[in-house]
PDB file of N, CA and C in Angstrom:
ATOM      1  N   MET A   1      10.710  -3.640   1.658  1.00  0.00           N
ATOM      2  CA  MET A   1       9.608  -3.097   1.205  1.00  0.00           C
ATOM      3  C   MET A   1       7.870  -4.518   1.283  1.00  0.00           C
ATOM      4  N   ILE A   2       6.995  -5.017   1.541  1.00  0.00           N
ATOM      5  CA  ILE A   2       6.462  -6.147   1.871  1.00  0.00           C
ATOM      6  C   ILE A   2       5.027  -5.668   0.208  1.00  0.00           C
ATOM      7  N   THR A   3       5.178  -7.473  -0.382  1.00  0.00           N
ATOM      8  CA  THR A   3       4.806  -7.075  -1.548  1.00  0.00           C
ATOM      9  C   THR A   3       3.180  -8.745  -1.300  1.00  0.00           C
ATOM     10  N   VAL A   4       1.756  -8.215  -1.520  1.00  0.00           N
ATOM     11  CA  VAL A   4       0.715  -8.813  -0.948  1.00  0.00           C
ATOM     12  C   VAL A   4       0.198  -8.326  -2.222  1.00  0.00           C
ATOM     13  N   THR A   5      -0.965  -9.841  -2.174  1.00  0.00           N
ATOM     14  CA  THR A   5      -1.937  -9.800  -3.666  1.00  0.00           C
ATOM     15  C   THR A   5      -3.224  -9.836  -3.367  1.00  0.00           C
ATOM     16  N   SER A   6      -3.798  -9.030  -3.596  1.00  0.00           N
ATOM     17  CA  SER A   6      -5.127  -8.073  -3.412  1.00  0.00           C
ATOM     18  C   SER A   6      -6.186  -8.499  -3.465  1.00  0.00           C
ATOM     19  N   VAL A   7      -5.719 -10.373  -3.095  1.00  0.00           N
ATOM     20  CA  VAL A   7      -7.041 -11.194  -1.779  1.00  0.00           C
ATOM     21  C   VAL A   7      -5.628 -10.874  -0.781  1.00  0.00           C
ATOM     22  N   GLU A   8      -4.646 -11.000  -0.534  1.00  0.00           N
ATOM     23  CA  GLU A   8      -4.411 -10.850   0.847  1.00  0.00           C
ATOM     24  C   GLU A   8      -4.695  -9.705   1.278  1.00  0.00           C
ATOM     25  N   ALA A   9      -4.934  -8.163   0.856  1.00  0.00           N
ATOM     26  CA  ALA A   9      -5.337  -7.581   0.673  1.00  0.00           C
ATOM     27  C   ALA A   9      -6.389  -7.968   1.623  1.00  0.00           C
ATOM     28  N   GLN A  10      -7.421  -7.943   0.765  1.00  0.00           N
ATOM     29  CA  GLN A  10      -8.945  -8.268   0.543  1.00  0.00           C
ATOM     30  C   GLN A  10      -9.131  -9.298   2.191  1.00  0.00           C
ATOM     31  N   SER A  11      -8.671  -9.603   2.672  1.00  0.00           N
ATOM     32  CA  SER A  11      -8.611 -10.732   3.497  1.00  0.00           C
ATOM     33  C   SER A  11      -7.913 -10.623   4.366  1.00  0.00           C
ATOM     34  N   LYS A  12      -7.705  -9.906   4.909  1.00  0.00           N
ATOM     35  CA  LYS A  12      -6.103  -9.091   4.798  1.00  0.00           C
ATOM     36  C   LYS A  12      -6.623  -7.902   5.674  1.00  0.00           C
ATOM     37  N   PHE A  13      -7.545  -7.360   5.366  1.00  0.00           N
ATOM     38  CA  PHE A  13      -7.300  -5.599   5.467  1.00  0.00           C
ATOM     39  C   PHE A  13      -6.757  -5.339   6.676  1.00  0.00           C
ATOM     40  N   GLY A  14      -7.376  -5.404   7.579  1.00  0.00           N
ATOM     41  CA  GLY A  14      -6.198  -4.591   9.143  1.00  0.00           C
ATOM     42  C   GLY A  14      -5.025  -5.225   9.380  1.00  0.00           C
ATOM     43  N   GLU A  15      -4.429  -6.403   9.256  1.00  0.00           N
ATOM     44  CA  GLU A  15      -3.062  -6.354   9.216  1.00  0.00           C
ATOM     45  C   GLU A  15      -2.089  -5.397   7.993  1.00  0.00           C
ATOM     46  N   LEU A  16      -2.719  -5.659   7.162  1.00  0.00           N
ATOM     47  CA  LEU A  16      -1.906  -4.380   6.111  1.00  0.00           C
ATOM     48  C   LEU A  16      -2.811  -2.433   6.059  1.00  0.00           C
ATOM     49  N   ILE A  17      -3.574  -2.569   7.541  1.00  0.00           N
ATOM     50  CA  ILE A  17      -3.480  -1.167   7.842  1.00  0.00           C
ATOM     51  C   ILE A  17      -1.470  -1.231   8.063  1.00  0.00           C
ATOM     52  N   ASP A  18      -2.113  -2.190   9.946  1.00  0.00           N
ATOM     53  CA  ASP A  18      -0.824  -2.020  10.220  1.00  0.00           C
ATOM     54  C   ASP A  18       0.751  -2.275  10.003  1.00  0.00           C
ATOM     55  N   ARG A  19       0.463  -3.041   8.853  1.00  0.00           N
ATOM     56  CA  ARG A  19       2.183  -3.055   8.123  1.00  0.00           C
ATOM     57  C   ARG A  19       2.427  -1.829   7.680  1.00  0.00           C
ATOM     58  N   SER A  20       1.818  -1.157   6.814  1.00  0.00           N
ATOM     59  CA  SER A  20       2.169  -0.088   6.027  1.00  0.00           C
ATOM     60  C   SER A  20       1.442   1.406   7.161  1.00  0.00           C
ATOM     61  N   GLN A  21       1.918   1.093   8.277  1.00  0.00           N
ATOM     62  CA  GLN A  21       2.406   1.679   9.414  1.00  0.00           C
ATOM     63  C   GLN A  21       3.487   1.852   9.683  1.00  0.00           C
ATOM     64  N   ARG A  22       4.547   0.494   9.140  1.00  0.00           N
ATOM     65  CA  ARG A  22       5.665   0.170   9.565  1.00  0.00           C
ATOM     66  C   ARG A  22       6.402   0.905   7.798  1.00  0.00           C
ATOM     67  N   GLU A  23       5.944   0.539   6.864  1.00  0.00           N
ATOM     68  CA  GLU A  23       6.731   0.806   5.873  1.00  0.00           C
ATOM     69  C   GLU A  23       5.276   0.607   4.608  1.00  0.00           C
ATOM     70  N   PRO A  24       5.446   1.304   3.138  1.00  0.00           N
ATOM     71  CA  PRO A  24       4.666   0.480   2.298  1.00  0.00           C
ATOM     72  C   PRO A  24       4.824   0.045   2.328  1.00  0.00           C
ATOM     73  N   VAL A  25       3.613  -1.188   1.645  1.00  0.00           N
ATOM     74  CA  VAL A  25       2.858  -2.531   1.249  1.00  0.00           C
ATOM     75  C   VAL A  25       2.532  -2.421   0.008  1.00  0.00           C
ATOM     76  N   GLU A  26       3.220  -3.202  -0.753  1.00  0.00           N
ATOM     77  CA  GLU A  26       2.564  -2.957  -3.106  1.00  0.00           C
ATOM     78  C   GLU A  26       2.180  -4.270  -2.807  1.00  0.00           C
ATOM     79  N   VAL A  27       0.931  -4.203  -3.602  1.00  0.00           N
ATOM     80  CA  VAL A  27      -0.579  -4.808  -3.576  1.00  0.00           C
ATOM     81  C   VAL A  27      -0.321  -5.074  -5.730  1.00  0.00           C
ATOM     82  N   THR A  28      -0.508  -6.601  -5.119  1.00  0.00           N
ATOM     83  CA  THR A  28      -0.149  -6.913  -6.803  1.00  0.00           C
ATOM     84  C   THR A  28      -1.466  -7.068  -6.931  1.00  0.00           C
ATOM     85  N   ARG A  29      -1.932  -7.700  -8.884  1.00  0.00           N
ATOM     86  CA  ARG A  29      -3.139  -8.589  -9.194  1.00  0.00           C
ATOM     87  C   ARG A  29      -2.400  -9.236 -10.555  1.00  0.00           C
ATOM     88  N   ARG A  30      -2.289 -10.226 -10.573  1.00  0.00           N
ATOM     89  CA  ARG A  30      -1.919 -10.995 -11.657  1.00  0.00           C
ATOM     90  C   ARG A  30      -0.106 -10.774 -11.571  1.00  0.00           C
ATOM     91  N   GLY A  31       0.028 -10.461 -11.165  1.00  0.00           N
ATOM     92  CA  GLY A  31       1.567 -10.160 -10.639  1.00  0.00           C
ATOM     93  C   GLY A  31       2.000  -8.911 -11.506  1.00  0.00           C
ATOM     94  N   ARG A  32       1.309  -7.823 -11.505  1.00  0.00           N
ATOM     95  CA  ARG A  32       0.993  -6.777 -11.789  1.00  0.00           C
ATOM     96  C   ARG A  32       1.648  -5.576 -10.542  1.00  0.00           C
ATOM     97  N   THR A  33       1.795  -4.002 -10.400  1.00  0.00           N
ATOM     98  CA  THR A  33       1.939  -3.811  -9.243  1.00  0.00           C
ATOM     99  C   THR A  33       0.749  -3.042  -9.127  1.00  0.00           C
ATOM    100  N   VAL A  34      -0.471  -2.972  -8.368  1.00  0.00           N
ATOM    101  CA  VAL A  34      -1.650  -2.859  -8.771  1.00  0.00           C
ATOM    102  C   VAL A  34      -1.935  -0.440  -7.670  1.00  0.00           C
ATOM    103  N   ALA A  35      -1.191  -0.998  -7.093  1.00  0.00           N
ATOM    104  CA  ALA A  35      -1.850  -0.731  -5.680  1.00  0.00           C
ATOM    105  C   ALA A  35      -0.708  -0.183  -4.119  1.00  0.00           C
ATOM    106  N   TYR A  36      -0.148   0.560  -3.917  1.00  0.00           N
ATOM    107  CA  TYR A  36       0.223   1.120  -2.562  1.00  0.00           C
ATOM    108  C   TYR A  36      -0.246   1.303  -1.145  1.00  0.00           C
ATOM    109  N   VAL A  37      -0.227   0.744   0.018  1.00  0.00           N
ATOM    110  CA  VAL A  37      -0.732   1.074   1.042  1.00  0.00           C
ATOM    111  C   VAL A  37       0.654   1.467   1.180  1.00  0.00           C
ATOM    112  N   VAL A  38      -0.090   3.186   2.156  1.00  0.00           N
ATOM    113  CA  VAL A  38       1.786   3.854   2.627  1.00  0.00           C
ATOM    114  C   VAL A  38       0.376   5.000   4.268  1.00  0.00           C
ATOM    115  N   SER A  39       1.712   4.705   5.408  1.00  0.00           N
ATOM    116  CA  SER A  39       0.485   6.003   6.633  1.00  0.00           C
ATOM    117  C   SER A  39       0.701   6.889   6.311  1.00  0.00           C
ATOM    118  N   GLY A  40      -0.331   7.675   6.459  1.00  0.00           N
ATOM    119  CA  GLY A  40      -0.680   8.508   7.238  1.00  0.00           C
ATOM    120  C   GLY A  40       0.352  10.172   6.188  1.00  0.00           C
ATOM    121  N   HIS A  41       2.001   9.412   7.763  1.00  0.00           N
ATOM    122  CA  HIS A  41       2.837  10.274   7.482  1.00  0.00           C
ATOM    123  C   HIS A  41       3.963  10.756   6.684  1.00  0.00           C
ATOM    124  N   ASP A  42       3.511   8.772   5.592  1.00  0.00           N
ATOM    125  CA  ASP A  42       4.186   8.925   4.340  1.00  0.00           C
ATOM    126  C   ASP A  42       3.890   9.498   3.096  1.00  0.00           C
ATOM    127  N   MET A  43       2.207   9.756   3.790  1.00  0.00           N
ATOM    128  CA  MET A  43       0.866  10.316   2.201  1.00  0.00           C
ATOM    129  C   MET A  43       2.268  12.017   2.545  1.00  0.00           C
ATOM    130  N   GLN A  44       1.377  12.577   3.787  1.00  0.00           N
ATOM    131  CA  GLN A  44       2.248  13.311   3.480  1.00  0.00           C
ATOM    132  C   GLN A  44       3.105  14.213   3.230  1.00  0.00           C
ATOM    133  N   GLU A  45       4.087  13.490   3.906  1.00  0.00           N
ATOM    134  CA  GLU A  45       5.621  13.578   3.210  1.00  0.00           C
ATOM    135  C   GLU A  45       5.867  13.685   1.395  1.00  0.00           C
ATOM    136  N   LEU A  46       5.197  12.490   1.035  1.00  0.00           N
ATOM    137  CA  LEU A  46       4.543  13.240  -0.179  1.00  0.00           C
ATOM    138  C   LEU A  46       4.304  13.959  -1.484  1.00  0.00           C
ATOM    139  N   VAL A  47       2.975  14.279  -0.535  1.00  0.00           N
ATOM    140  CA  VAL A  47       2.602  15.483  -1.335  1.00  0.00           C
ATOM    141  C   VAL A  47       3.121  17.635  -0.606  1.00  0.00           C
ATOM    142  N   ASP A  48       4.254  16.801   0.041  1.00  0.00           N
ATOM    143  CA  ASP A  48       4.543  17.986   0.533  1.00  0.00           C
ATOM    144  C   ASP A  48       6.063  17.663  -0.526  1.00  0.00           C
ATOM    145  N   VAL A  49       7.330  16.943  -0.492  1.00  0.00           N
ATOM    146  CA  VAL A  49       7.558  16.958  -1.609  1.00  0.00           C
ATOM    147  C   VAL A  49       7.006  17.236  -2.802  1.00  0.00           C
ATOM    148  N   ARG A  50       5.996  17.099  -3.975  1.00  0.00           N
ATOM    149  CA  ARG A  50       5.341  17.541  -4.339  1.00  0.00           C
ATOM    150  C   ARG A  50       4.892  18.654  -4.680  1.00  0.00           C
ATOM    151  N   LYS A  51       4.344  18.967  -4.091  1.00  0.00           N
ATOM    152  CA  LYS A  51       4.293  20.915  -3.906  1.00  0.00           C
ATOM    153  C   LYS A  51       5.676  21.846  -3.832  1.00  0.00           C
ATOM    154  N   ARG A  52       6.826  20.455  -3.120  1.00  0.00           N
ATOM    155  CA  ARG A  52       7.813  21.946  -2.992  1.00  0.00           C
ATOM    156  C   ARG A  52       8.560  21.650  -4.726  1.00  0.00           C
ATOM    157  N   ARG A  53       8.001  20.501  -4.803  1.00  0.00           N
ATOM    158  CA  ARG A  53       9.198  20.536  -6.455  1.00  0.00           C
ATOM    159  C   ARG A  53       8.090  21.956  -8.067  1.00  0.00           C
ATOM    160  N   GLU A  54       6.431  21.566  -7.062  1.00  0.00           N
ATOM    161  CA  GLU A  54       6.465  21.929  -8.130  1.00  0.00           C
ATOM    162  C   GLU A  54       6.330  23.996  -7.792  1.00  0.00           C
ATOM    163  N   GLU A  55       6.386  24.282  -6.284  1.00  0.00           N
ATOM    164  CA  GLU A  55       7.224  25.353  -6.293  1.00  0.00           C
ATOM    165  C   GLU A  55       7.927  25.766  -6.956  1.00  0.00           C
ATOM    166  N   ALA A  56       9.174  25.339  -7.045  1.00  0.00           N
ATOM    167  CA  ALA A  56      11.385  25.116  -7.901  1.00  0.00           C
ATOM    168  C   ALA A  56      10.605  24.951  -9.209  1.00  0.00           C
ATOM    169  N   ALA A  57       9.684  24.353  -9.647  1.00  0.00           N
ATOM    170  CA  ALA A  57       9.085  24.532 -10.823  1.00  0.00           C
ATOM    171  C   ALA A  57       8.602  25.738 -11.229  1.00  0.00           C
ATOM    172  N   ARG A  58       8.177  26.224 -11.079  1.00  0.00           N
ATOM    173  CA  ARG A  58       7.571  27.786 -11.014  1.00  0.00           C
ATOM    174  C   ARG A  58       8.731  29.223 -11.034  1.00  0.00           C
ATOM    175  N   TRP A  59       9.146  28.785 -10.280  1.00  0.00           N
ATOM    176  CA  TRP A  59      10.330  30.048  -9.413  1.00  0.00           C
ATOM    177  C   TRP A  59      11.238  29.307 -10.525  1.00  0.00           C
ATOM    178  N   PHE A  60      11.886  27.998 -10.905  1.00  0.00           N
ATOM    179  CA  PHE A  60      12.450  28.204 -11.922  1.00  0.00           C
ATOM    180  C   PHE A  60      12.288  29.372 -13.748  1.00  0.00           C
ATOM    181  N   ALA A  61      10.198  28.438 -13.905  1.00  0.00           N
ATOM    182  CA  ALA A  61      10.022  29.539 -15.081  1.00  0.00           C
ATOM    183  C   ALA A  61      10.520  30.845 -15.268  1.00  0.00           C
ATOM    184  N   GLY A  62       9.928  31.187 -13.659  1.00  0.00           N
ATOM    185  CA  GLY A  62      10.387  32.356 -13.434  1.00  0.00           C
ATOM    186  C   GLY A  62      11.792  33.518 -13.732  1.00  0.00           C
ATOM    187  N   TYR A  63      12.596  31.945 -13.114  1.00  0.00           N
ATOM    188  CA  TYR A  63      13.686  32.690 -13.002  1.00  0.00           C
ATOM    189  C   TYR A  63      14.612  32.626 -15.124  1.00  0.00           C
ATOM    190  N   ARG A  64      13.872  31.483 -16.063  1.00  0.00           N
ATOM    191  CA  ARG A  64      13.749  31.532 -16.654  1.00  0.00           C
ATOM    192  C   ARG A  64      13.104  33.165 -18.137  1.00  0.00           C
ATOM    193  N   GLN A  65      12.111  32.898 -17.405  1.00  0.00           N
ATOM    194  CA  GLN A  65      11.368  34.249 -18.630  1.00  0.00           C
ATOM    195  C   GLN A  65      12.659  35.010 -18.030  1.00  0.00           C
ATOM    196  N   LYS A  66      13.078  35.914 -16.716  1.00  0.00           N
ATOM    197  CA  LYS A  66      13.640  37.218 -17.255  1.00  0.00           C
ATOM    198  C   LYS A  66      14.733  37.545 -17.948  1.00  0.00           C
ATOM    199  N   ILE A  67      15.592  35.700 -17.189  1.00  0.00           N
ATOM    200  CA  ILE A  67      16.993  36.197 -18.558  1.00  0.00           C
ATOM    201  C   ILE A  67      16.965  35.834 -19.588  1.00  0.00           C
ATOM    202  N   ALA A  68      15.484  35.656 -20.133  1.00  0.00           N
ATOM    203  CA  ALA A  68      14.949  36.033 -20.897  1.00  0.00           C
ATOM    204  C   ALA A  68      14.396  37.225 -21.937  1.00  0.00           C
ATOM    205  N   SER A  69      14.088  37.630 -20.782  1.00  0.00           N
ATOM    206  CA  SER A  69      13.744  38.622 -21.195  1.00  0.00           C
ATOM    207  C   SER A  69      15.001  39.907 -21.124  1.00  0.00           C
ATOM    208  N   GLU A  70      16.123  39.636 -20.325  1.00  0.00           N
ATOM    209  CA  GLU A  70      16.829  40.575 -20.620  1.00  0.00           C
ATOM    210  C   GLU A  70      18.321  40.592 -21.006  1.00  0.00           C
ATOM    211  N   ALA A  71      18.137  38.677 -22.185  1.00  0.00           N
ATOM    212  CA  ALA A  71      18.872  38.502 -22.787  1.00  0.00           C
ATOM    213  C   ALA A  71      18.395  39.962 -23.931  1.00  0.00           C
ATOM    214  N   ASP A  72      17.065  39.885 -23.858  1.00  0.00           N
ATOM    215  CA  ASP A  72      16.538  40.694 -25.027  1.00  0.00           C
ATOM    216  C   ASP A  72      17.017  42.407 -25.318  1.00  0.00           C
ATOM    217  N   ALA A  73      16.560  42.627 -24.353  1.00  0.00           N
ATOM    218  CA  ALA A  73      17.076  44.079 -23.666  1.00  0.00           C
ATOM    219  C   ALA A  73      17.759  44.529 -24.842  1.00  0.00           C
ATOM    220  N   GLY A  74      18.862  44.392 -25.026  1.00  0.00           N
ATOM    221  CA  GLY A  74      19.286  44.582 -25.789  1.00  0.00           C
ATOM    222  C   GLY A  74      21.456  44.533 -25.696  1.00  0.00           C
ATOM    223  N   LEU A  75      21.290  43.234 -23.981  1.00  0.00           N
ATOM    224  CA  LEU A  75      22.684  42.980 -23.012  1.00  0.00           C
ATOM    225  C   LEU A  75      23.413  42.384 -23.695  1.00  0.00           C
ATOM    226  N   PRO A  76      24.689  42.872 -24.209  1.00  0.00           N
ATOM    227  CA  PRO A  76      25.567  42.364 -24.807  1.00  0.00           C
ATOM    228  C   PRO A  76      25.735  41.545 -24.557  1.00  0.00           C
ATOM    229  N   ALA A  77      26.414  40.226 -26.033  1.00  0.00           N
ATOM    230  CA  ALA A  77      26.219  38.292 -25.832  1.00  0.00           C
ATOM    231  C   ALA A  77      27.625  38.300 -25.837  1.00  0.00           C
ATOM    232  N   LEU A  78      28.131  37.647 -24.486  1.00  0.00           N
ATOM    233  CA  LEU A  78      29.891  37.460 -24.323  1.00  0.00           C
ATOM    234  C   LEU A  78      29.856  36.378 -26.149  1.00  0.00           C
ATOM    235  N   SER A  79      31.034  37.176 -26.104  1.00  0.00           N
ATOM    236  CA  SER A  79      31.724  35.516 -26.936  1.00  0.00           C
ATOM    237  C   SER A  79      33.086  34.811 -26.494  1.00  0.00           C
ATOM    238  N   ASP A  80      32.922  34.099 -27.748  1.00  0.00           N
ATOM    239  CA  ASP A  80      33.213  32.103 -26.858  1.00  0.00           C
ATOM    240  C   ASP A  80      35.369  32.650 -26.082  1.00  0.00           C
ATOM    241  N   ALA A  81      35.628  34.010 -26.561  1.00  0.00           N
ATOM    242  CA  ALA A  81      36.704  34.895 -26.019  1.00  0.00           C
ATOM    243  C   ALA A  81      35.975  35.121 -24.555  1.00  0.00           C
ATOM    244  N   ASP A  82      35.230  35.918 -24.695  1.00  0.00           N
ATOM    245  CA  ASP A  82      34.877  36.746 -23.038  1.00  0.00           C
ATOM    246  C   ASP A  82      34.628  35.280 -22.203  1.00  0.00           C
ATOM    247  N   ILE A  83      34.432  34.178 -22.593  1.00  0.00           N
ATOM    248  CA  ILE A  83      34.356  33.287 -22.034  1.00  0.00           C
ATOM    249  C   ILE A  83      34.879  32.697 -21.491  1.00  0.00           C
ATOM    250  N   ASN A  84      36.481  32.307 -21.771  1.00  0.00           N
ATOM    251  CA  ASN A  84      37.580  31.492 -20.945  1.00  0.00           C
ATOM    252  C   ASN A  84      38.131  32.696 -20.861  1.00  0.00           C
ATOM    253  N   ARG A  85      38.187  34.008 -21.283  1.00  0.00           N
ATOM    254  CA  ARG A  85      38.491  34.488 -20.740  1.00  0.00           C
ATOM    255  C   ARG A  85      37.741  35.255 -18.716  1.00  0.00           C
ATOM    256  N   LEU A  86      37.061  34.925 -18.716  1.00  0.00           N
ATOM    257  CA  LEU A  86      36.351  35.183 -17.465  1.00  0.00           C
ATOM    258  C   LEU A  86      36.679  34.256 -16.943  1.00  0.00           C
ATOM    259  N   VAL A  87      36.572  32.200 -17.072  1.00  0.00           N
ATOM    260  CA  VAL A  87      36.899  31.242 -16.779  1.00  0.00           C
ATOM    261  C   VAL A  87      38.547  30.910 -15.822  1.00  0.00           C
ATOM    262  N   HIS A  88      39.797  31.919 -16.837  1.00  0.00           N
ATOM    263  CA  HIS A  88      40.589  31.881 -16.480  1.00  0.00           C
ATOM    264  C   HIS A  88      40.654  33.227 -15.568  1.00  0.00           C
ATOM    265  N   GLU A  89      40.259  33.419 -15.828  1.00  0.00           N
ATOM    266  CA  GLU A  89      39.707  34.825 -14.514  1.00  0.00           C
ATOM    267  C   GLU A  89      40.203  34.631 -13.674  1.00  0.00           C
ATOM    268  N   LEU A  90      38.420  33.276 -13.175  1.00  0.00           N
ATOM    269  CA  LEU A  90      38.584  32.452 -11.056  1.00  0.00           C
ATOM    270  C   LEU A  90      39.317  31.880 -10.742  1.00  0.00           C
ATOM    271  N   ARG A  91      40.250  31.376 -11.965  1.00  0.00           N
ATOM    272  CA  ARG A  91      40.990  30.065 -11.573  1.00  0.00           C
ATOM    273  C   ARG A  91      42.248  30.351 -10.870  1.00  0.00           C
TER     274      ARG A  91
END
């Protein structure tokens, strides 16, 4: 990843945009990262990943709620002996 200072980014903005098409560019000010410049394609990938993560979190929350409601519905709890027996049956 290319790193440039904020002063360099201001003075060479066109070059900064061209470079960001090939790889993300880190912009620093006083030695600290203040921004990243990425291509439109890279940004869309980040948005898509975020959307998939949110969908997965919603699905998991619903799954946990379903499991909890089934446990509250009076289903028998498994004892340690039951779990050990099931594990050994699967081997």
